[in-house]
Amino acid sequence: MPAKTISIMGLMDLFGGEAKSVAWLEKIRWQGKPTCPHCNNSDHIVVRKGKRFTYRHETCRKEFTVKTKTIMRGSNLPIQRWLIAMYLAMTARKGISSLQLGKELGIAQKTS
């Protein structure tokens, strides 16, 4: 059975904005229920008001996002661009250079 592929346009439909990208990644990582990556507990999680896509675990009192403890941590790059970069890296037959990746994403080569 051949692998199912998705076009770049299909990818853009799937990750049409930052909110959709974060929701998809949260579904993949936490199966829809936020879990604290510091203590692996999903009870007493609250959404931080005024901070987009940020949660707080009331028991251990630590804040986290879907990027916490991943390769994306500490990056200011939006999750939507991270997901597109991962797609481009995985679908390129002979790999993709940092220069080309930067051009495709509209970011500096150093960032890519």
N, C-alpha and C. Protein backbone atom coordinates (compact mmCIF):
# COMPACT_ATOMS: atom_id res chain seq x y z
N MET A 1 0.85 -1.18 0.00
CA MET A 1 0.00 0.00 0.00
C MET A 1 0.89 1.24 0.00
N PRO A 2 0.71 2.14 -0.97
CA PRO A 2 1.56 3.34 -1.03
C PRO A 2 1.26 4.29 0.11
N ALA A 3 2.29 5.03 0.48
CA ALA A 3 2.13 6.01 1.56
C ALA A 3 1.23 7.15 1.09
N LYS A 4 0.44 7.66 2.01
CA LYS A 4 -0.45 8.78 1.69
C LYS A 4 0.37 10.07 1.75
N THR A 5 0.30 10.84 0.69
CA THR A 5 1.02 12.10 0.66
C THR A 5 0.04 13.26 0.65
N ILE A 6 0.55 14.42 0.96
CA ILE A 6 -0.28 15.62 0.98
C ILE A 6 0.47 16.70 0.20
N SER A 7 -0.26 17.48 -0.53
CA SER A 7 0.35 18.56 -1.30
C SER A 7 0.63 19.74 -0.39
N ILE A 8 1.41 20.68 -0.87
CA ILE A 8 1.69 21.88 -0.09
C ILE A 8 0.41 22.68 0.12
N MET A 9 -0.48 22.66 -0.85
CA MET A 9 -1.77 23.36 -0.69
C MET A 9 -2.64 22.66 0.35
N GLY A 10 -2.61 21.34 0.35
CA GLY A 10 -3.34 20.60 1.38
C GLY A 10 -2.78 20.88 2.76
N LEU A 11 -1.47 21.03 2.83
CA LEU A 11 -0.82 21.36 4.09
C LEU A 11 -1.25 22.74 4.56
N MET A 12 -1.32 23.70 3.65
CA MET A 12 -1.74 25.05 4.01
C MET A 12 -3.20 25.06 4.47
N ASP A 13 -4.04 24.21 3.88
CA ASP A 13 -5.43 24.11 4.33
C ASP A 13 -5.49 23.52 5.74
N LEU A 14 -4.65 22.52 5.98
CA LEU A 14 -4.62 21.87 7.29
C LEU A 14 -4.10 22.80 8.37
N PHE A 15 -3.06 23.56 8.06
CA PHE A 15 -2.44 24.48 9.01
C PHE A 15 -2.64 25.92 8.53
N GLY A 16 -3.90 26.32 8.33
CA GLY A 16 -4.23 27.62 7.76
C GLY A 16 -3.84 28.82 8.60
N GLY A 17 -3.53 28.64 9.82
CA GLY A 17 -3.13 29.74 10.68
C GLY A 17 -2.46 29.20 11.93
N GLU A 18 -1.97 30.08 12.76
CA GLU A 18 -1.27 29.66 13.97
C GLU A 18 -2.20 28.88 14.91
N ALA A 19 -3.42 29.35 15.06
CA ALA A 19 -4.36 28.67 15.97
C ALA A 19 -4.64 27.24 15.50
N LYS A 20 -4.84 27.05 14.20
CA LYS A 20 -5.08 25.70 13.67
C LYS A 20 -3.85 24.82 13.84
N SER A 21 -2.67 25.40 13.64
CA SER A 21 -1.43 24.64 13.79
C SER A 21 -1.22 24.20 15.23
N VAL A 22 -1.45 25.10 16.16
CA VAL A 22 -1.29 24.77 17.59
C VAL A 22 -2.31 23.71 17.99
N ALA A 23 -3.56 23.87 17.55
CA ALA A 23 -4.60 22.90 17.89
C ALA A 23 -4.23 21.51 17.36
N TRP A 24 -3.70 21.43 16.13
CA TRP A 24 -3.31 20.14 15.55
C TRP A 24 -2.17 19.53 16.35
N LEU A 25 -1.16 20.33 16.68
CA LEU A 25 -0.01 19.81 17.42
C LEU A 25 -0.42 19.37 18.84
N GLU A 26 -1.32 20.13 19.48
CA GLU A 26 -1.82 19.73 20.80
C GLU A 26 -2.57 18.42 20.73
N LYS A 27 -3.35 18.23 19.67
CA LYS A 27 -4.08 16.98 19.49
C LYS A 27 -3.12 15.81 19.32
N ILE A 28 -2.06 16.01 18.53
CA ILE A 28 -1.07 14.96 18.30
C ILE A 28 -0.27 14.67 19.58
N ARG A 29 0.15 15.72 20.27
CA ARG A 29 1.02 15.53 21.44
C ARG A 29 0.26 15.07 22.68
N TRP A 30 -0.91 15.65 22.91
CA TRP A 30 -1.63 15.40 24.16
C TRP A 30 -2.97 14.68 23.98
N GLN A 31 -3.31 14.28 22.77
CA GLN A 31 -4.59 13.64 22.48
C GLN A 31 -5.75 14.52 22.94
N GLY A 32 -5.60 15.85 22.81
CA GLY A 32 -6.67 16.78 23.12
C GLY A 32 -6.76 17.25 24.55
N LYS A 33 -6.00 16.64 25.47
CA LYS A 33 -6.03 17.05 26.87
C LYS A 33 -4.64 17.49 27.29
N PRO A 34 -4.44 18.81 27.52
CA PRO A 34 -3.11 19.30 27.89
C PRO A 34 -2.53 18.57 29.10
N THR A 35 -1.27 18.20 28.99
CA THR A 35 -0.56 17.50 30.04
C THR A 35 0.72 18.26 30.35
N CYS A 36 0.98 18.49 31.62
CA CYS A 36 2.16 19.23 32.03
C CYS A 36 3.42 18.42 31.67
N PRO A 37 4.33 18.99 30.86
CA PRO A 37 5.54 18.25 30.50
C PRO A 37 6.56 18.18 31.64
N HIS A 38 6.35 18.96 32.68
CA HIS A 38 7.28 18.97 33.81
C HIS A 38 7.00 17.82 34.78
N CYS A 39 5.70 17.53 35.01
CA CYS A 39 5.35 16.47 35.97
C CYS A 39 4.45 15.40 35.37
N ASN A 40 4.12 15.51 34.07
CA ASN A 40 3.28 14.54 33.36
C ASN A 40 1.91 14.34 33.98
N ASN A 41 1.34 15.39 34.51
CA ASN A 41 0.02 15.34 35.12
C ASN A 41 -0.93 16.18 34.29
N SER A 42 -2.16 15.72 34.11
CA SER A 42 -3.12 16.47 33.31
C SER A 42 -4.26 17.04 34.14
N ASP A 43 -4.18 16.93 35.46
CA ASP A 43 -5.19 17.49 36.34
C ASP A 43 -4.81 18.92 36.71
N HIS A 44 -5.80 19.76 36.93
CA HIS A 44 -5.61 21.14 37.39
C HIS A 44 -4.80 21.98 36.41
N ILE A 45 -5.09 21.83 35.14
CA ILE A 45 -4.45 22.64 34.10
C ILE A 45 -5.39 23.80 33.78
N VAL A 46 -4.84 25.01 33.78
CA VAL A 46 -5.64 26.19 33.43
C VAL A 46 -4.97 26.93 32.28
N VAL A 47 -5.80 27.59 31.49
CA VAL A 47 -5.29 28.39 30.38
C VAL A 47 -4.89 29.75 30.94
N ARG A 48 -3.70 30.21 30.59
CA ARG A 48 -3.21 31.51 31.06
C ARG A 48 -3.92 32.61 30.29
N LYS A 49 -4.53 33.53 31.01
CA LYS A 49 -5.22 34.64 30.36
C LYS A 49 -4.19 35.67 29.91
N GLY A 50 -4.39 36.19 28.72
CA GLY A 50 -3.50 37.20 28.19
C GLY A 50 -2.27 36.64 27.51
N LYS A 51 -2.05 35.33 27.59
CA LYS A 51 -0.91 34.70 26.93
C LYS A 51 -1.47 33.65 25.98
N ARG A 52 -1.17 33.81 24.70
CA ARG A 52 -1.71 32.89 23.70
C ARG A 52 -1.09 31.51 23.82
N PHE A 53 -1.94 30.50 23.82
CA PHE A 53 -1.54 29.09 23.78
C PHE A 53 -0.65 28.69 24.96
N THR A 54 -0.82 29.32 26.12
CA THR A 54 -0.01 29.01 27.29
C THR A 54 -0.90 28.43 28.38
N TYR A 55 -0.38 27.40 29.03
CA TYR A 55 -1.10 26.73 30.10
C TYR A 55 -0.29 26.83 31.39
N ARG A 56 -1.00 26.60 32.51
CA ARG A 56 -0.33 26.57 33.81
C ARG A 56 -0.87 25.38 34.59
N HIS A 57 0.04 24.62 35.17
CA HIS A 57 -0.36 23.50 36.01
C HIS A 57 -0.39 24.02 37.44
N GLU A 58 -1.54 23.99 38.05
CA GLU A 58 -1.71 24.57 39.38
C GLU A 58 -0.98 23.81 40.48
N THR A 59 -0.72 22.53 40.30
CA THR A 59 -0.04 21.76 41.34
C THR A 59 1.46 22.05 41.37
N CYS A 60 2.12 21.94 40.23
CA CYS A 60 3.56 22.20 40.21
C CYS A 60 3.87 23.67 39.91
N ARG A 61 2.86 24.45 39.55
CA ARG A 61 2.96 25.90 39.32
C ARG A 61 3.90 26.28 38.19
N LYS A 62 3.97 25.45 37.18
CA LYS A 62 4.82 25.74 36.03
C LYS A 62 3.96 26.03 34.81
N GLU A 63 4.44 26.98 34.02
CA GLU A 63 3.77 27.29 32.77
C GLU A 63 4.38 26.46 31.64
N PHE A 64 3.57 26.19 30.62
CA PHE A 64 4.06 25.43 29.48
C PHE A 64 3.20 25.69 28.27
N THR A 65 3.77 25.38 27.13
CA THR A 65 3.06 25.42 25.86
C THR A 65 3.29 24.08 25.17
N VAL A 66 2.72 23.94 24.00
CA VAL A 66 2.92 22.70 23.25
C VAL A 66 4.38 22.56 22.79
N LYS A 67 5.12 23.67 22.77
CA LYS A 67 6.53 23.64 22.37
C LYS A 67 7.48 23.24 23.50
N THR A 68 7.02 23.28 24.74
CA THR A 68 7.86 22.98 25.89
C THR A 68 8.45 21.58 25.80
N LYS A 69 9.76 21.48 26.05
CA LYS A 69 10.51 20.23 26.02
C LYS A 69 10.46 19.54 24.65
N THR A 70 10.48 20.36 23.59
CA THR A 70 10.59 19.84 22.23
C THR A 70 11.72 20.59 21.53
N ILE A 71 11.99 20.23 20.31
CA ILE A 71 13.01 20.92 19.53
C ILE A 71 12.61 22.38 19.28
N MET A 72 11.33 22.68 19.39
CA MET A 72 10.82 24.03 19.12
C MET A 72 10.92 24.97 20.31
N ARG A 73 11.32 24.46 21.45
CA ARG A 73 11.36 25.30 22.66
C ARG A 73 12.29 26.48 22.45
N GLY A 74 11.96 27.60 23.01
CA GLY A 74 12.81 28.78 22.93
C GLY A 74 12.85 29.44 21.58
N SER A 75 12.10 28.95 20.62
CA SER A 75 12.08 29.52 19.29
C SER A 75 10.92 30.50 19.17
N ASN A 76 11.19 31.63 18.54
CA ASN A 76 10.12 32.60 18.29
C ASN A 76 9.41 32.33 16.97
N LEU A 77 9.86 31.34 16.24
CA LEU A 77 9.25 31.00 14.97
C LEU A 77 7.87 30.40 15.23
N PRO A 78 6.85 30.87 14.52
CA PRO A 78 5.50 30.32 14.72
C PRO A 78 5.45 28.82 14.43
N ILE A 79 4.58 28.14 15.12
CA ILE A 79 4.44 26.69 14.95
C ILE A 79 4.06 26.33 13.52
N GLN A 80 3.28 27.17 12.87
CA GLN A 80 2.90 26.91 11.48
C GLN A 80 4.14 26.79 10.60
N ARG A 81 5.11 27.66 10.79
CA ARG A 81 6.34 27.59 9.99
C ARG A 81 7.17 26.37 10.37
N TRP A 82 7.19 26.01 11.64
CA TRP A 82 7.90 24.80 12.07
C TRP A 82 7.32 23.58 11.35
N LEU A 83 6.01 23.49 11.31
CA LEU A 83 5.37 22.32 10.69
C LEU A 83 5.64 22.28 9.19
N ILE A 84 5.62 23.44 8.54
CA ILE A 84 5.93 23.48 7.11
C ILE A 84 7.39 23.10 6.88
N ALA A 85 8.28 23.57 7.75
CA ALA A 85 9.70 23.22 7.63
C ALA A 85 9.89 21.71 7.78
N MET A 86 9.20 21.10 8.72
CA MET A 86 9.29 19.65 8.90
C MET A 86 8.78 18.92 7.67
N TYR A 87 7.69 19.42 7.11
CA TYR A 87 7.13 18.82 5.90
C TYR A 87 8.14 18.89 4.75
N LEU A 88 8.72 20.07 4.56
CA LEU A 88 9.69 20.24 3.47
C LEU A 88 10.91 19.35 3.66
N ALA A 89 11.39 19.24 4.89
CA ALA A 89 12.56 18.40 5.17
C ALA A 89 12.25 16.92 4.94
N MET A 90 11.04 16.50 5.26
CA MET A 90 10.70 15.08 5.11
C MET A 90 10.36 14.70 3.68
N THR A 91 9.89 15.65 2.89
CA THR A 91 9.46 15.29 1.53
C THR A 91 10.53 15.55 0.48
N ALA A 92 11.60 16.24 0.83
CA ALA A 92 12.67 16.49 -0.14
C ALA A 92 13.43 15.20 -0.38
N ARG A 93 13.52 14.79 -1.62
CA ARG A 93 14.17 13.51 -1.95
C ARG A 93 15.62 13.45 -1.53
N LYS A 94 16.36 14.51 -1.77
CA LYS A 94 17.78 14.51 -1.44
C LYS A 94 18.10 15.50 -0.32
N GLY A 95 17.11 15.77 0.50
CA GLY A 95 17.31 16.73 1.57
C GLY A 95 17.07 18.15 1.08
N ILE A 96 17.14 19.10 1.98
CA ILE A 96 16.94 20.49 1.63
C ILE A 96 17.99 21.32 2.35
N SER A 97 18.59 22.25 1.64
CA SER A 97 19.63 23.07 2.25
C SER A 97 18.99 24.13 3.14
N SER A 98 19.77 24.63 4.07
CA SER A 98 19.27 25.68 4.96
C SER A 98 18.95 26.95 4.17
N LEU A 99 19.69 27.20 3.10
CA LEU A 99 19.44 28.36 2.26
C LEU A 99 18.08 28.23 1.57
N GLN A 100 17.82 27.06 1.01
CA GLN A 100 16.53 26.83 0.34
C GLN A 100 15.38 26.84 1.33
N LEU A 101 15.57 26.24 2.47
CA LEU A 101 14.53 26.22 3.50
C LEU A 101 14.20 27.64 3.96
N GLY A 102 15.23 28.45 4.13
CA GLY A 102 15.02 29.84 4.51
C GLY A 102 14.22 30.60 3.47
N LYS A 103 14.54 30.36 2.19
CA LYS A 103 13.80 31.02 1.10
C LYS A 103 12.35 30.58 1.07
N GLU A 104 12.13 29.28 1.24
CA GLU A 104 10.77 28.73 1.20
C GLU A 104 9.90 29.28 2.33
N LEU A 105 10.50 29.47 3.50
CA LEU A 105 9.75 29.91 4.68
C LEU A 105 9.76 31.43 4.86
N GLY A 106 10.60 32.11 4.10
CA GLY A 106 10.69 33.56 4.26
C GLY A 106 11.41 33.97 5.52
N ILE A 107 12.43 33.21 5.90
CA ILE A 107 13.20 33.50 7.11
C ILE A 107 14.68 33.50 6.75
N ALA A 108 15.52 33.95 7.67
CA ALA A 108 16.97 33.99 7.45
C ALA A 108 17.54 32.57 7.40
N GLN A 109 18.62 32.42 6.63
CA GLN A 109 19.27 31.12 6.55
C GLN A 109 19.73 30.65 7.92
N LYS A 110 20.21 31.55 8.74
CA LYS A 110 20.69 31.19 10.08
C LYS A 110 19.55 30.60 10.92
N THR A 111 18.36 31.13 10.76
CA THR A 111 17.20 30.61 11.49
C THR A 111 16.83 29.22 11.01
N SER A 112 16.90 29.02 9.70
CA SER A 112 16.52 27.71 9.16
C SER A 112 17.58 26.67 9.46
